[in-house]
Amino acid sequence: MPRTAPAKTPESEKITINLGFVDLGQIELLVQEGFYSNRSDFIRTAIRNQIERHAETVRQIVVRKSVDLGLRHITRDELATAQAAGQMLEIRALGLVVIAPDITPELARATISGLSILGTLQAPDAVKAALADRIT
């Protein structure tokens, strides 16, 4: 029987931004002159520079708010364990939160009291709907 490769979590998410004509023209000039390979390269570099500039502030906030940083996987076993212990989870994350596809809306609602995500949530649509009033 052939093995199925696990689903790969995307490493990035597409966003759309609006720029003024002058800003866009300056970016195009820098790309034409070879400073950046394309617009996206310029924008990613600018964002990374700003994140680095504020790295210490972000670190302090993450510690103060007890936020998971990076990738947070929520598994069926984790929620089943919480349910058996009569616990509700308050999940705070900066990055990507992935709720496993085998988690039912009922289990999610019975065990997740809140989801505060600065980033992206990947979860089955039914689970997102079940938790809609708990996601901030």
Foldseek 3Di string as FASTA:
>chain_A
DDDDDDDDDDPDDDDDDDDDPVVVVVLVVCCVVPVAVDSVRVVVVVVVVVCVVCVVVVVVVCVVVVAAEEEAEAEPVNLVVCVVVQEADEHHYEYEYEYDAVDALVSNLSHHQAYEYNYYYHYPPRNCVSCVVRYD
